[in-house]
Amino acid sequence: MLEKLRYPYSTGCLTERPFRSIFLIIKIIFADLLKFKINYKVVIKNSKFNYNYKPYKKSGLGGRGQYILREYYDKFFFIGQDVLPSKFNFIDVGCSRGFFSLYLLGLQNFKGKGLCIDPLSKAIQDFKEILKLNKKTKINFINGIISNKNKLKIPIYKVSQQGYFSIIKDVSFADKLPKEKKPESFLVRSYTIDDLVNKKRIIQNVKFIKIDAEGAEYEILCSSEKTIKKYKPIFYCEVTRKKKEIYKFFRKKNYILFNFNKKKLIRVSFEEFQGGELLAIHQNDSYFSKIQYML
């Protein structure tokens, strides 16, 4: 239990919103015991949307973290409305049950479409159910993964009992297993960003790409060369592996890089970059000037 409380505490929700957080934790405990679903409304600055929690036995599904954390679930939520234009199309790589995508769809005056990708069919099923609560239709789904390979079948590994899956089985945060035991895995369709955007044209005019891939960020970025050249999208990803390579990749493409100091963006250099949440904006982006006052 203490381990589970450590993360909410680190986000600030237990210190800044203690009474609400404790109330929601208690409600989650009862929902798990009595096996009932919770439908609720999320309000994050300029974004409003409906969401739900389901008491699944397995960790990583159901939306427990989203229900408790809400606006603290992702640091991007504190600055998203200041960075993004009012009209944009986005790709959500590793969308899970859609909390981040719904934040984007729920932004005031949002106009655009989304392409959401996840390897877990159950997560996408839940996402589609939640979309109906919001009466949203501007989303296309792909049950698969993004990597630097366009292949019918590629293994994806369960790297943590917390519900994390990755194409990289030896990520630093993977559960320690006995030598004779291999991690759970299954085969899934793999696409590249460029294939989806430029060849299949499932989505075009992409302005924002969010990547949550548990260590496969670099491989995904390498699959987006043509998309970057054509659209210069904003990228937001959690960097946990190949930090130097990712930094050099973006700088070669003339991107300016930022990460977070609490709720504020700070510009980072090669020497300072230690991974974590990374926001990359092309230096010729017409919206770049919007965040200058935030630095």
C-alpha atoms as a PDB file:
ATOM      1  CA  MET A   1       0.000   0.000   0.000  1.00  0.00           C
ATOM      2  CA  LEU A   2       2.816   2.445   0.865  1.00  0.00           C
ATOM      3  CA  GLU A   3       4.439   1.745  -2.497  1.00  0.00           C
ATOM      4  CA  LYS A   4       1.178   2.544  -4.271  1.00  0.00           C
ATOM      5  CA  LEU A   5       0.870   5.848  -2.380  1.00  0.00           C
ATOM      6  CA  ARG A   6       4.425   6.913  -3.253  1.00  0.00           C
ATOM      7  CA  TYR A   7       3.567   7.850  -6.845  1.00  0.00           C
ATOM      8  CA  PRO A   8       0.489  10.006  -6.019  1.00  0.00           C
ATOM      9  CA  TYR A   9       2.610  11.784  -3.443  1.00  0.00           C
ATOM     10  CA  SER A  10       5.369  12.459  -5.986  1.00  0.00           C
ATOM     11  CA  THR A  11       2.907  14.067  -8.428  1.00  0.00           C
ATOM     12  CA  GLY A  12       1.768  16.615  -5.837  1.00  0.00           C
ATOM     13  CA  CYS A  13      -1.884  15.590  -5.650  1.00  0.00           C
ATOM     14  CA  LEU A  14      -1.623  14.364  -2.038  1.00  0.00           C
ATOM     15  CA  THR A  15       0.097  17.556  -0.895  1.00  0.00           C
ATOM     16  CA  GLU A  16      -1.857  20.089  -2.965  1.00  0.00           C
ATOM     17  CA  ARG A  17      -5.282  18.388  -2.940  1.00  0.00           C
ATOM     18  CA  PRO A  18      -5.059  16.118   0.152  1.00  0.00           C
ATOM     19  CA  PHE A  19      -8.755  15.913   1.085  1.00  0.00           C
ATOM     20  CA  ARG A  20      -9.922  15.237  -2.451  1.00  0.00           C
ATOM     21  CA  SER A  21      -7.142  12.670  -2.982  1.00  0.00           C
ATOM     22  CA  ILE A  22      -7.872  10.791   0.238  1.00  0.00           C
ATOM     23  CA  PHE A  23     -11.601  10.772  -0.540  1.00  0.00           C
ATOM     24  CA  LEU A  24     -10.960   9.350  -4.019  1.00  0.00           C
ATOM     25  CA  ILE A  25      -8.577   6.703  -2.661  1.00  0.00           C
ATOM     26  CA  ILE A  26     -11.221   5.574  -0.156  1.00  0.00           C
ATOM     27  CA  LYS A  27     -13.839   5.474  -2.922  1.00  0.00           C
ATOM     28  CA  ILE A  28     -11.529   3.351  -5.090  1.00  0.00           C
ATOM     29  CA  ILE A  29     -11.048   0.878  -2.225  1.00  0.00           C
ATOM     30  CA  PHE A  30     -14.823   0.445  -1.911  1.00  0.00           C
ATOM     31  CA  ALA A  31     -15.203   0.139  -5.702  1.00  0.00           C
ATOM     32  CA  ASP A  32     -12.623  -2.659  -5.711  1.00  0.00           C
ATOM     33  CA  LEU A  33     -14.267  -4.447  -2.794  1.00  0.00           C
ATOM     34  CA  LEU A  34     -17.827  -4.155  -4.088  1.00  0.00           C
ATOM     35  CA  LYS A  35     -16.936  -4.442  -7.783  1.00  0.00           C
ATOM     36  CA  PHE A  36     -18.740  -1.379  -9.111  1.00  0.00           C
ATOM     37  CA  LYS A  37     -17.836   0.956 -11.969  1.00  0.00           C
ATOM     38  CA  ILE A  38     -17.479   4.712 -11.429  1.00  0.00           C
ATOM     39  CA  ASN A  39     -18.416   7.186 -14.167  1.00  0.00           C
ATOM     40  CA  TYR A  40     -17.116  10.687 -13.497  1.00  0.00           C
ATOM     41  CA  LYS A  41     -16.326  14.067 -15.090  1.00  0.00           C
ATOM     42  CA  VAL A  42     -12.763  15.341 -15.402  1.00  0.00           C
ATOM     43  CA  VAL A  43     -12.052  19.082 -15.435  1.00  0.00           C
ATOM     44  CA  ILE A  44      -8.474  20.089 -16.300  1.00  0.00           C
ATOM     45  CA  LYS A  45      -8.200  23.830 -16.944  1.00  0.00           C
ATOM     46  CA  ASN A  46      -9.619  24.290 -20.461  1.00  0.00           C
ATOM     47  CA  SER A  47     -10.462  20.612 -20.937  1.00  0.00           C
ATOM     48  CA  LYS A  48     -13.585  18.758 -19.822  1.00  0.00           C
ATOM     49  CA  PHE A  49     -14.501  15.150 -20.516  1.00  0.00           C
ATOM     50  CA  ASN A  50     -16.215  12.084 -19.051  1.00  0.00           C
ATOM     51  CA  TYR A  51     -14.269   9.025 -17.965  1.00  0.00           C
ATOM     52  CA  ASN A  52     -14.751   5.852 -15.923  1.00  0.00           C
ATOM     53  CA  TYR A  53     -13.023   3.495 -13.539  1.00  0.00           C
ATOM     54  CA  LYS A  54     -13.469  -0.273 -13.692  1.00  0.00           C
ATOM     55  CA  PRO A  55     -12.324  -2.571 -10.841  1.00  0.00           C
ATOM     56  CA  TYR A  56     -10.154  -4.950 -12.872  1.00  0.00           C
ATOM     57  CA  LYS A  57      -8.034  -7.471 -10.992  1.00  0.00           C
ATOM     58  CA  LYS A  58      -4.939  -6.836 -13.123  1.00  0.00           C
ATOM     59  CA  SER A  59      -2.861  -3.697 -12.630  1.00  0.00           C
ATOM     60  CA  GLY A  60      -2.527  -1.290 -15.555  1.00  0.00           C
ATOM     61  CA  LEU A  61      -6.182  -1.520 -16.561  1.00  0.00           C
ATOM     62  CA  GLY A  62      -9.290   0.085 -15.165  1.00  0.00           C
ATOM     63  CA  GLY A  63      -8.023   3.660 -14.735  1.00  0.00           C
ATOM     64  CA  ARG A  64      -7.213   3.701 -11.004  1.00  0.00           C
ATOM     65  CA  GLY A  65      -4.385   6.225 -11.387  1.00  0.00           C
ATOM     66  CA  GLN A  66      -6.415   8.536 -13.611  1.00  0.00           C
ATOM     67  CA  TYR A  67      -9.337   8.518 -11.176  1.00  0.00           C
ATOM     68  CA  ILE A  68      -7.187   9.569  -8.223  1.00  0.00           C
ATOM     69  CA  LEU A  69      -4.706  11.891  -9.948  1.00  0.00           C
ATOM     70  CA  ARG A  70      -6.836  13.620 -12.617  1.00  0.00           C
ATOM     71  CA  GLU A  71      -5.020  16.858 -13.568  1.00  0.00           C
ATOM     72  CA  TYR A  72      -1.882  15.500 -11.840  1.00  0.00           C
ATOM     73  CA  TYR A  73      -1.841  12.386 -14.016  1.00  0.00           C
ATOM     74  CA  ASP A  74       0.461  14.014 -16.570  1.00  0.00           C
ATOM     75  CA  LYS A  75       2.588  17.156 -16.300  1.00  0.00           C
ATOM     76  CA  PHE A  76       1.618  18.144 -19.834  1.00  0.00           C
ATOM     77  CA  PHE A  77      -1.889  18.912 -18.599  1.00  0.00           C
ATOM     78  CA  PHE A  78      -0.610  21.991 -16.769  1.00  0.00           C
ATOM     79  CA  ILE A  79       0.709  23.614 -19.961  1.00  0.00           C
ATOM     80  CA  GLY A  80      -1.052  21.878 -22.857  1.00  0.00           C
ATOM     81  CA  GLN A  81      -3.622  24.596 -23.515  1.00  0.00           C
ATOM     82  CA  ASP A  82      -0.791  27.144 -23.810  1.00  0.00           C
ATOM     83  CA  VAL A  83       1.288  25.117 -26.264  1.00  0.00           C
ATOM     84  CA  LEU A  84      -1.261  23.631 -28.662  1.00  0.00           C
ATOM     85  CA  PRO A  85      -3.186  25.455 -31.389  1.00  0.00           C
ATOM     86  CA  SER A  86      -6.990  25.359 -31.420  1.00  0.00           C
ATOM     87  CA  LYS A  87      -7.065  23.183 -34.529  1.00  0.00           C
ATOM     88  CA  PHE A  88      -4.734  20.199 -34.828  1.00  0.00           C
ATOM     89  CA  ASN A  89      -4.626  16.499 -35.618  1.00  0.00           C
ATOM     90  CA  PHE A  90      -2.773  14.207 -33.248  1.00  0.00           C
ATOM     91  CA  ILE A  91      -1.348  10.706 -32.869  1.00  0.00           C
ATOM     92  CA  ASP A  92      -1.427   9.028 -29.458  1.00  0.00           C
ATOM     93  CA  VAL A  93       1.080   6.163 -29.418  1.00  0.00           C
ATOM     94  CA  GLY A  94       0.297   3.964 -26.420  1.00  0.00           C
ATOM     95  CA  CYS A  95      -3.148   5.464 -25.864  1.00  0.00           C
ATOM     96  CA  SER A  96      -4.290   2.817 -23.334  1.00  0.00           C
ATOM     97  CA  ARG A  97      -7.849   3.691 -22.209  1.00  0.00           C
ATOM     98  CA  GLY A  98      -7.636   7.153 -23.737  1.00  0.00           C
ATOM     99  CA  PHE A  99      -7.193   9.529 -20.799  1.00  0.00           C
ATOM    100  CA  PHE A 100      -4.583  11.662 -22.602  1.00  0.00           C
ATOM    101  CA  SER A 101      -6.493  11.648 -25.910  1.00  0.00           C
ATOM    102  CA  LEU A 102      -9.692  12.673 -24.169  1.00  0.00           C
ATOM    103  CA  TYR A 103      -7.837  15.562 -22.565  1.00  0.00           C
ATOM    104  CA  LEU A 104      -6.946  16.712 -26.099  1.00  0.00           C
ATOM    105  CA  LEU A 105     -10.457  16.138 -27.441  1.00  0.00           C
ATOM    106  CA  GLY A 106     -11.917  17.954 -24.425  1.00  0.00           C
ATOM    107  CA  LEU A 107      -9.915  21.152 -24.939  1.00  0.00           C
ATOM    108  CA  GLN A 108     -12.142  24.178 -25.410  1.00  0.00           C
ATOM    109  CA  ASN A 109     -12.827  24.879 -29.098  1.00  0.00           C
ATOM    110  CA  PHE A 110     -10.830  21.793 -30.157  1.00  0.00           C
ATOM    111  CA  LYS A 111     -11.062  21.122 -33.869  1.00  0.00           C
ATOM    112  CA  GLY A 112      -9.240  18.160 -35.314  1.00  0.00           C
ATOM    113  CA  LYS A 113      -8.913  14.392 -35.388  1.00  0.00           C
ATOM    114  CA  GLY A 114      -6.916  11.749 -33.546  1.00  0.00           C
ATOM    115  CA  LEU A 115      -5.255   8.442 -34.355  1.00  0.00           C
ATOM    116  CA  CYS A 116      -4.881   6.255 -31.252  1.00  0.00           C
ATOM    117  CA  ILE A 117      -2.690   3.151 -31.109  1.00  0.00           C
ATOM    118  CA  ASP A 118      -2.308   0.509 -28.398  1.00  0.00           C
ATOM    119  CA  PRO A 119      -1.324  -3.194 -28.354  1.00  0.00           C
ATOM    120  CA  LEU A 120      -3.965  -4.158 -25.758  1.00  0.00           C
ATOM    121  CA  SER A 121      -7.353  -4.846 -27.331  1.00  0.00           C
ATOM    122  CA  LYS A 122      -9.057  -4.580 -23.921  1.00  0.00           C
ATOM    123  CA  ALA A 123      -7.740  -1.059 -23.451  1.00  0.00           C
ATOM    124  CA  ILE A 124      -9.039   0.011 -26.862  1.00  0.00           C
ATOM    125  CA  GLN A 125     -12.395  -1.617 -26.129  1.00  0.00           C
ATOM    126  CA  ASP A 126     -12.678   0.457 -22.940  1.00  0.00           C
ATOM    127  CA  PHE A 127     -11.563   3.587 -24.795  1.00  0.00           C
ATOM    128  CA  LYS A 128     -14.346   3.141 -27.355  1.00  0.00           C
ATOM    129  CA  GLU A 129     -16.870   2.720 -24.541  1.00  0.00           C
ATOM    130  CA  ILE A 130     -15.642   5.928 -22.881  1.00  0.00           C
ATOM    131  CA  LEU A 131     -15.819   7.795 -26.200  1.00  0.00           C
ATOM    132  CA  LYS A 132     -19.551   7.069 -26.267  1.00  0.00           C
ATOM    133  CA  LEU A 133     -19.900   8.790 -22.883  1.00  0.00           C
ATOM    134  CA  ASN A 134     -18.387  11.881 -24.499  1.00  0.00           C
ATOM    135  CA  LYS A 135     -20.249  11.595 -27.794  1.00  0.00           C
ATOM    136  CA  LYS A 136     -16.946  11.935 -29.641  1.00  0.00           C
ATOM    137  CA  THR A 137     -16.347  10.376 -33.050  1.00  0.00           C
ATOM    138  CA  LYS A 138     -13.165  12.008 -34.401  1.00  0.00           C
ATOM    139  CA  ILE A 139     -10.862   9.113 -33.468  1.00  0.00           C
ATOM    140  CA  ASN A 140      -9.412   6.262 -35.510  1.00  0.00           C
ATOM    141  CA  PHE A 141      -8.035   3.229 -33.664  1.00  0.00           C
ATOM    142  CA  ILE A 142      -5.233   0.789 -34.383  1.00  0.00           C
ATOM    143  CA  ASN A 143      -4.752  -2.301 -32.245  1.00  0.00           C
ATOM    144  CA  GLY A 144      -0.997  -2.634 -32.652  1.00  0.00           C
ATOM    145  CA  ILE A 145       2.264  -0.843 -31.981  1.00  0.00           C
ATOM    146  CA  ILE A 146       4.536   1.743 -33.563  1.00  0.00           C
ATOM    147  CA  SER A 147       8.202   0.889 -34.088  1.00  0.00           C
ATOM    148  CA  ASN A 148      10.868   1.309 -36.759  1.00  0.00           C
ATOM    149  CA  LYS A 149       9.554  -1.838 -38.463  1.00  0.00           C
ATOM    150  CA  ASN A 150       6.520  -2.321 -40.670  1.00  0.00           C
ATOM    151  CA  LYS A 151       5.786  -5.982 -39.938  1.00  0.00           C
ATOM    152  CA  LEU A 152       2.729  -8.203 -39.553  1.00  0.00           C
ATOM    153  CA  LYS A 153       3.974  -9.722 -36.303  1.00  0.00           C
ATOM    154  CA  ILE A 154       6.452  -8.471 -33.711  1.00  0.00           C
ATOM    155  CA  PRO A 155       6.757  -9.613 -30.069  1.00  0.00           C
ATOM    156  CA  ILE A 156       5.733  -7.268 -27.264  1.00  0.00           C
ATOM    157  CA  TYR A 157       6.712  -8.104 -23.693  1.00  0.00           C
ATOM    158  CA  LYS A 158       5.023  -7.566 -20.365  1.00  0.00           C
ATOM    159  CA  VAL A 159       7.921  -5.909 -18.572  1.00  0.00           C
ATOM    160  CA  SER A 160       6.135  -5.132 -15.294  1.00  0.00           C
ATOM    161  CA  GLN A 161       3.298  -6.551 -13.230  1.00  0.00           C
ATOM    162  CA  GLN A 162       2.049  -2.959 -13.017  1.00  0.00           C
ATOM    163  CA  GLY A 163       0.792  -3.477 -16.564  1.00  0.00           C
ATOM    164  CA  TYR A 164       3.654  -2.068 -18.651  1.00  0.00           C
ATOM    165  CA  PHE A 165       4.279  -3.560 -22.100  1.00  0.00           C
ATOM    166  CA  SER A 166       7.213  -2.848 -24.414  1.00  0.00           C
ATOM    167  CA  ILE A 167       8.940  -4.161 -27.526  1.00  0.00           C
ATOM    168  CA  ILE A 168      12.168  -3.748 -25.516  1.00  0.00           C
ATOM    169  CA  LYS A 169      12.210  -6.603 -23.013  1.00  0.00           C
ATOM    170  CA  ASP A 170      15.277  -5.472 -21.060  1.00  0.00           C
ATOM    171  CA  VAL A 171      14.204  -1.913 -20.178  1.00  0.00           C
ATOM    172  CA  SER A 172      15.733  -0.623 -16.948  1.00  0.00           C
ATOM    173  CA  PHE A 173      12.426  -0.672 -15.053  1.00  0.00           C
ATOM    174  CA  ALA A 174      11.497  -4.244 -16.040  1.00  0.00           C
ATOM    175  CA  ASP A 175      10.639  -6.657 -13.242  1.00  0.00           C
ATOM    176  CA  LYS A 176      13.525  -8.846 -12.161  1.00  0.00           C
ATOM    177  CA  LEU A 177      12.772 -12.415 -13.179  1.00  0.00           C
ATOM    178  CA  PRO A 178      14.551 -15.692 -12.400  1.00  0.00           C
ATOM    179  CA  LYS A 179      17.076 -16.589 -15.079  1.00  0.00           C
ATOM    180  CA  GLU A 180      15.024 -19.544 -16.275  1.00  0.00           C
ATOM    181  CA  LYS A 181      11.817 -17.485 -16.598  1.00  0.00           C
ATOM    182  CA  LYS A 182      11.035 -15.392 -19.659  1.00  0.00           C
ATOM    183  CA  PRO A 183       8.638 -12.401 -19.593  1.00  0.00           C
ATOM    184  CA  GLU A 184       5.113 -12.871 -20.892  1.00  0.00           C
ATOM    185  CA  SER A 185       4.787 -11.848 -24.524  1.00  0.00           C
ATOM    186  CA  PHE A 186       2.451 -11.922 -27.502  1.00  0.00           C
ATOM    187  CA  LEU A 187       2.669 -11.021 -31.187  1.00  0.00           C
ATOM    188  CA  VAL A 188       1.188  -7.807 -32.526  1.00  0.00           C
ATOM    189  CA  ARG A 189       1.125  -5.823 -35.798  1.00  0.00           C
ATOM    190  CA  SER A 190       3.807  -3.141 -36.059  1.00  0.00           C
ATOM    191  CA  TYR A 191       3.529   0.081 -38.079  1.00  0.00           C
ATOM    192  CA  THR A 192       5.742   3.087 -38.643  1.00  0.00           C
ATOM    193  CA  ILE A 193       4.593   6.685 -38.232  1.00  0.00           C
ATOM    194  CA  ASP A 194       5.569   7.475 -41.813  1.00  0.00           C
ATOM    195  CA  ASP A 195       3.601   4.497 -43.147  1.00  0.00           C
ATOM    196  CA  LEU A 196       0.415   5.598 -41.371  1.00  0.00           C
ATOM    197  CA  VAL A 197       0.746   9.295 -42.198  1.00  0.00           C
ATOM    198  CA  ASN A 198       2.361   9.386 -45.642  1.00  0.00           C
ATOM    199  CA  LYS A 199       1.607   6.030 -47.270  1.00  0.00           C
ATOM    200  CA  LYS A 200      -1.702   4.859 -45.830  1.00  0.00           C
ATOM    201  CA  ARG A 201      -2.766   8.462 -45.107  1.00  0.00           C
ATOM    202  CA  ILE A 202      -4.930   7.387 -42.184  1.00  0.00           C
ATOM    203  CA  ILE A 203      -4.294  10.806 -40.697  1.00  0.00           C
ATOM    204  CA  GLN A 204      -2.693  13.918 -42.210  1.00  0.00           C
ATOM    205  CA  ASN A 205      -1.641  17.405 -41.123  1.00  0.00           C
ATOM    206  CA  VAL A 206      -0.329  15.921 -37.873  1.00  0.00           C
ATOM    207  CA  LYS A 207       0.520  18.662 -35.384  1.00  0.00           C
ATOM    208  CA  PHE A 208       1.055  16.714 -32.151  1.00  0.00           C
ATOM    209  CA  ILE A 209       2.464  13.236 -31.426  1.00  0.00           C
ATOM    210  CA  LYS A 210       2.426  11.824 -27.904  1.00  0.00           C
ATOM    211  CA  ILE A 211       4.536   8.701 -27.278  1.00  0.00           C
ATOM    212  CA  ASP A 212       4.101   6.405 -24.277  1.00  0.00           C
ATOM    213  CA  ALA A 213       5.979   3.288 -25.290  1.00  0.00           C
ATOM    214  CA  GLU A 214       7.903   2.103 -22.213  1.00  0.00           C
ATOM    215  CA  GLY A 215      11.399   2.495 -23.629  1.00  0.00           C
ATOM    216  CA  ALA A 216      10.749   2.270 -27.383  1.00  0.00           C
ATOM    217  CA  GLU A 217      10.704   6.049 -27.937  1.00  0.00           C
ATOM    218  CA  TYR A 218      13.832   6.150 -30.097  1.00  0.00           C
ATOM    219  CA  GLU A 219      12.640   3.394 -32.447  1.00  0.00           C
ATOM    220  CA  ILE A 220       9.310   5.210 -32.877  1.00  0.00           C
ATOM    221  CA  LEU A 221      10.990   8.544 -33.578  1.00  0.00           C
ATOM    222  CA  CYS A 222      13.173   6.911 -36.231  1.00  0.00           C
ATOM    223  CA  SER A 223       9.973   5.868 -38.017  1.00  0.00           C
ATOM    224  CA  SER A 224       8.778   9.478 -38.384  1.00  0.00           C
ATOM    225  CA  GLU A 225      11.466  11.090 -40.583  1.00  0.00           C
ATOM    226  CA  LYS A 226       9.130  11.934 -43.501  1.00  0.00           C
ATOM    227  CA  THR A 227       6.382  13.095 -41.166  1.00  0.00           C
ATOM    228  CA  ILE A 228       8.773  15.468 -39.419  1.00  0.00           C
ATOM    229  CA  LYS A 229      10.040  16.849 -42.730  1.00  0.00           C
ATOM    230  CA  LYS A 230       6.490  17.478 -43.975  1.00  0.00           C
ATOM    231  CA  TYR A 231       4.582  18.592 -40.843  1.00  0.00           C
ATOM    232  CA  LYS A 232       7.163  19.416 -38.122  1.00  0.00           C
ATOM    233  CA  PRO A 233       4.841  18.126 -35.364  1.00  0.00           C
ATOM    234  CA  ILE A 234       5.236  18.799 -31.652  1.00  0.00           C
ATOM    235  CA  PHE A 235       6.409  15.663 -29.816  1.00  0.00           C
ATOM    236  CA  TYR A 236       5.731  14.754 -26.196  1.00  0.00           C
ATOM    237  CA  CYS A 237       7.205  11.576 -24.746  1.00  0.00           C
ATOM    238  CA  GLU A 238       8.546   9.931 -21.617  1.00  0.00           C
ATOM    239  CA  VAL A 239      12.234   9.219 -22.310  1.00  0.00           C
ATOM    240  CA  THR A 240      13.528   6.204 -20.370  1.00  0.00           C
ATOM    241  CA  ARG A 241      16.094   4.770 -22.783  1.00  0.00           C
ATOM    242  CA  LYS A 242      18.598   5.947 -25.416  1.00  0.00           C
ATOM    243  CA  LYS A 243      18.529   9.457 -23.971  1.00  0.00           C
ATOM    244  CA  LYS A 244      21.607  10.709 -25.838  1.00  0.00           C
ATOM    245  CA  GLU A 245      20.391   9.311 -29.144  1.00  0.00           C
ATOM    246  CA  ILE A 246      16.972  10.938 -28.710  1.00  0.00           C
ATOM    247  CA  TYR A 247      18.482  14.307 -27.843  1.00  0.00           C
ATOM    248  CA  LYS A 248      20.769  14.181 -30.911  1.00  0.00           C
ATOM    249  CA  PHE A 249      17.875  13.027 -33.123  1.00  0.00           C
ATOM    250  CA  PHE A 250      15.771  16.065 -32.225  1.00  0.00           C
ATOM    251  CA  ARG A 251      18.616  18.566 -32.411  1.00  0.00           C
ATOM    252  CA  LYS A 252      19.553  17.273 -35.869  1.00  0.00           C
ATOM    253  CA  LYS A 253      15.948  17.959 -36.912  1.00  0.00           C
ATOM    254  CA  ASN A 254      16.151  21.523 -35.499  1.00  0.00           C
ATOM    255  CA  TYR A 255      13.885  20.931 -32.520  1.00  0.00           C
ATOM    256  CA  ILE A 256      14.037  22.894 -29.262  1.00  0.00           C
ATOM    257  CA  LEU A 257      13.748  20.625 -26.218  1.00  0.00           C
ATOM    258  CA  PHE A 258      12.000  21.201 -22.913  1.00  0.00           C
ATOM    259  CA  ASN A 259      11.225  19.225 -19.796  1.00  0.00           C
ATOM    260  CA  PHE A 260       9.432  20.110 -16.586  1.00  0.00           C
ATOM    261  CA  ASN A 261      10.313  21.775 -13.331  1.00  0.00           C
ATOM    262  CA  LYS A 262       7.150  21.040 -11.371  1.00  0.00           C
ATOM    263  CA  LYS A 263       4.424  22.739 -13.469  1.00  0.00           C
ATOM    264  CA  LYS A 264       6.697  24.839 -15.653  1.00  0.00           C
ATOM    265  CA  LEU A 265       8.663  24.163 -18.806  1.00  0.00           C
ATOM    266  CA  ILE A 266      12.408  24.577 -18.829  1.00  0.00           C
ATOM    267  CA  ARG A 267      14.649  24.471 -21.870  1.00  0.00           C
ATOM    268  CA  VAL A 268      17.272  21.711 -21.669  1.00  0.00           C
ATOM    269  CA  SER A 269      20.741  21.274 -23.134  1.00  0.00           C
ATOM    270  CA  PHE A 270      22.562  18.043 -23.954  1.00  0.00           C
ATOM    271  CA  GLU A 271      24.516  18.175 -20.681  1.00  0.00           C
ATOM    272  CA  GLU A 272      21.382  18.748 -18.616  1.00  0.00           C
ATOM    273  CA  PHE A 273      19.109  16.201 -20.251  1.00  0.00           C
ATOM    274  CA  GLN A 274      18.565  13.222 -17.963  1.00  0.00           C
ATOM    275  CA  GLY A 275      15.416  11.830 -19.549  1.00  0.00           C
ATOM    276  CA  GLY A 276      11.895  12.009 -18.178  1.00  0.00           C
ATOM    277  CA  GLU A 277       9.068  13.974 -19.777  1.00  0.00           C
ATOM    278  CA  LEU A 278      10.317  15.641 -22.949  1.00  0.00           C
ATOM    279  CA  LEU A 279       8.536  18.242 -25.071  1.00  0.00           C
ATOM    280  CA  ALA A 280      10.077  18.887 -28.492  1.00  0.00           C
ATOM    281  CA  ILE A 281       8.984  21.857 -30.628  1.00  0.00           C
ATOM    282  CA  HIS A 282      10.482  22.657 -34.011  1.00  0.00           C
ATOM    283  CA  GLN A 283      12.346  25.954 -34.051  1.00  0.00           C
ATOM    284  CA  ASN A 284      10.346  27.109 -37.102  1.00  0.00           C
ATOM    285  CA  ASP A 285       7.014  26.212 -35.520  1.00  0.00           C
ATOM    286  CA  SER A 286       4.614  29.143 -35.799  1.00  0.00           C
ATOM    287  CA  TYR A 287       3.299  28.345 -32.312  1.00  0.00           C
ATOM    288  CA  PHE A 288       6.741  28.331 -30.722  1.00  0.00           C
ATOM    289  CA  SER A 289       6.340  31.960 -29.687  1.00  0.00           C
ATOM    290  CA  LYS A 290       3.345  30.976 -27.573  1.00  0.00           C
ATOM    291  CA  ILE A 291       5.517  29.338 -24.926  1.00  0.00           C
ATOM    292  CA  GLN A 292       8.302  31.912 -24.714  1.00  0.00           C
ATOM    293  CA  TYR A 293       6.601  33.692 -21.827  1.00  0.00           C
ATOM    294  CA  MET A 294       6.443  30.401 -19.921  1.00  0.00           C
ATOM    295  CA  LEU A 295      10.228  30.003 -19.740  1.00  0.00           C
END
